[in-house]
Protein backbone atom coordinates (compact mmCIF):
# COMPACT_ATOMS: atom_id res chain seq x y z
CA MET A 1 0.00 0.00 0.00
CA ARG A 2 1.04 3.58 -0.58
CA LEU A 3 -0.41 6.94 0.43
CA ASP A 4 -0.80 9.10 -2.69
CA HIS A 5 -2.36 12.22 -1.23
CA VAL A 6 -4.19 13.73 1.72
CA SER A 7 -7.70 14.83 0.90
CA TYR A 8 -8.81 16.38 4.21
CA LEU A 9 -6.95 18.70 6.52
CA GLN A 10 -8.31 20.52 9.57
CA ILE A 11 -6.31 23.24 11.28
CA GLU A 12 -6.99 25.55 14.18
CA VAL A 13 -6.68 29.26 13.38
CA SER A 14 -6.77 32.35 15.58
CA ASN A 15 -9.06 34.34 13.24
CA LEU A 16 -11.37 32.38 10.96
CA ASP A 17 -12.25 35.22 8.57
CA ARG A 18 -8.62 36.29 8.10
CA SER A 19 -7.38 32.73 7.50
CA PHE A 20 -10.30 31.94 5.20
CA ARG A 21 -9.42 34.95 3.01
CA TRP A 22 -5.71 34.11 3.10
CA TYR A 23 -6.13 30.48 1.95
CA ARG A 24 -8.57 31.55 -0.78
CA ARG A 25 -6.17 34.17 -2.09
CA MET A 26 -2.87 32.34 -1.70
CA LEU A 27 -3.91 28.80 -2.69
CA GLY A 28 -6.86 29.57 -4.96
CA LEU A 29 -9.21 27.44 -2.85
CA VAL A 30 -12.96 27.96 -3.16
CA PRO A 31 -15.59 28.06 -0.38
CA ALA A 32 -17.12 24.67 0.43
CA GLY A 33 -19.27 25.54 3.46
CA PRO A 34 -18.71 27.39 6.73
CA GLY A 35 -14.97 27.40 7.52
CA ARG A 36 -14.25 25.02 4.64
CA LEU A 37 -12.33 25.48 1.42
CA LYS A 38 -11.82 23.09 -1.46
CA GLY A 39 -9.28 22.79 -4.23
CA GLY A 40 -8.62 19.70 -6.33
CA LEU A 41 -8.74 16.72 -3.99
CA LEU A 42 -8.19 18.79 -0.84
CA LEU A 43 -10.88 19.86 1.59
CA LEU A 44 -9.41 22.29 4.14
CA SER A 45 -11.38 22.87 7.31
CA LEU A 46 -10.51 25.91 9.43
CA VAL A 47 -11.58 25.94 13.07
CA GLU A 48 -11.24 29.09 15.14
CA GLY A 49 -9.51 28.61 18.47
CA THR A 50 -6.34 29.23 20.39
CA VAL A 51 -3.27 28.58 18.29
CA ALA A 52 -0.57 27.60 20.74
CA ARG A 53 1.96 25.70 18.64
CA ALA A 54 1.49 26.95 15.10
CA ARG A 55 5.15 26.60 14.25
CA ALA A 56 5.00 22.87 14.96
CA PHE A 57 2.61 22.34 12.06
CA ARG A 58 3.87 22.37 8.49
CA PHE A 59 2.48 20.99 5.28
CA GLY A 60 3.81 20.56 1.78
CA VAL A 61 2.39 21.20 -1.64
CA ALA A 62 4.01 18.76 -4.06
CA CYS A 63 4.60 20.32 -7.46
CA SER A 64 5.16 18.32 -10.64
CA SER A 65 8.00 20.49 -11.93
CA ARG A 66 10.36 23.34 -11.13
CA ARG A 67 8.31 25.49 -13.47
CA GLU A 68 5.26 24.87 -11.28
CA VAL A 69 7.25 25.82 -8.17
CA ARG A 70 8.28 29.08 -9.85
CA ALA A 71 4.67 29.77 -10.88
CA TRP A 72 3.47 29.28 -7.28
CA ARG A 73 6.28 31.56 -6.08
CA ALA A 74 5.22 34.29 -8.54
CA HIS A 75 1.60 33.88 -7.42
CA GLN A 76 2.62 34.43 -3.78
CA ASP A 77 4.54 37.58 -4.76
CA ASN A 78 1.59 38.90 -6.77
CA ASN A 79 -0.77 38.37 -3.84
CA ALA A 80 1.34 40.20 -1.26
CA GLY A 81 2.67 37.03 0.28
CA MET A 82 6.09 36.88 1.87
CA PRO A 83 7.64 33.68 0.50
CA THR A 84 11.23 32.70 1.06
CA PRO A 85 13.60 32.60 -1.90
CA ILE A 86 13.58 29.37 -3.90
CA THR A 87 16.33 27.06 -2.71
CA GLU A 88 17.65 23.66 -3.65
CA ARG A 89 18.76 21.30 -0.91
CA GLU A 90 18.62 17.60 -0.16
CA GLY A 91 17.24 16.91 -3.63
CA ARG A 92 14.29 19.28 -3.20
CA TYR A 93 13.67 22.53 -5.05
CA GLY A 94 11.18 24.90 -3.47
CA PHE A 95 10.21 27.68 -1.09
CA THR A 96 8.08 28.24 1.98
CA ILE A 97 5.47 30.76 3.05
CA ALA A 98 3.77 31.24 6.41
CA ASP A 99 0.05 31.78 6.88
CA PRO A 100 -1.35 34.38 9.33
CA ASP A 101 -0.86 31.97 12.28
CA SER A 102 2.71 31.08 11.22
CA TYR A 103 1.79 27.65 9.84
CA VAL A 104 4.42 26.91 7.20
CA LEU A 105 3.46 25.79 3.70
CA GLU A 106 6.25 24.36 1.57
CA PHE A 107 5.95 24.27 -2.22
CA PHE A 108 8.49 21.78 -3.56
CA THR A 109 9.50 19.31 -6.23
CA ALA A 110 12.16 16.66 -6.61
CA ALA A 111 11.97 16.97 -10.41
CA PRO A 112 15.18 17.78 -12.29
CA GLU A 113 15.64 21.08 -14.12
CA GLU A 114 13.55 21.32 -17.29
CA GLU A 115 15.37 21.58 -20.58
């Protein structure tokens, strides 16, 4: 057996409206009910509460190519995000960005450079 993807993710946020807007804008997710956003196979559920250990939570967005990583990076720049520079280390090419509660999202690929 092999896990191919995660289709549901629930995170606690300090301000539901702010986080809802951020995930819509930065990831292009669409509303799917109160506190819920959907995009592709992912259903993201945001629950308002006390965020005590936001930095302990991190999730990755697997990209199919370096070109896709660069496109996501440009999208973050165009939407007033504050992504890190793209780096290459340990066989991964990508960047990170933090949401309003300091949860880290990593956009990455292991694909070689396109020709």
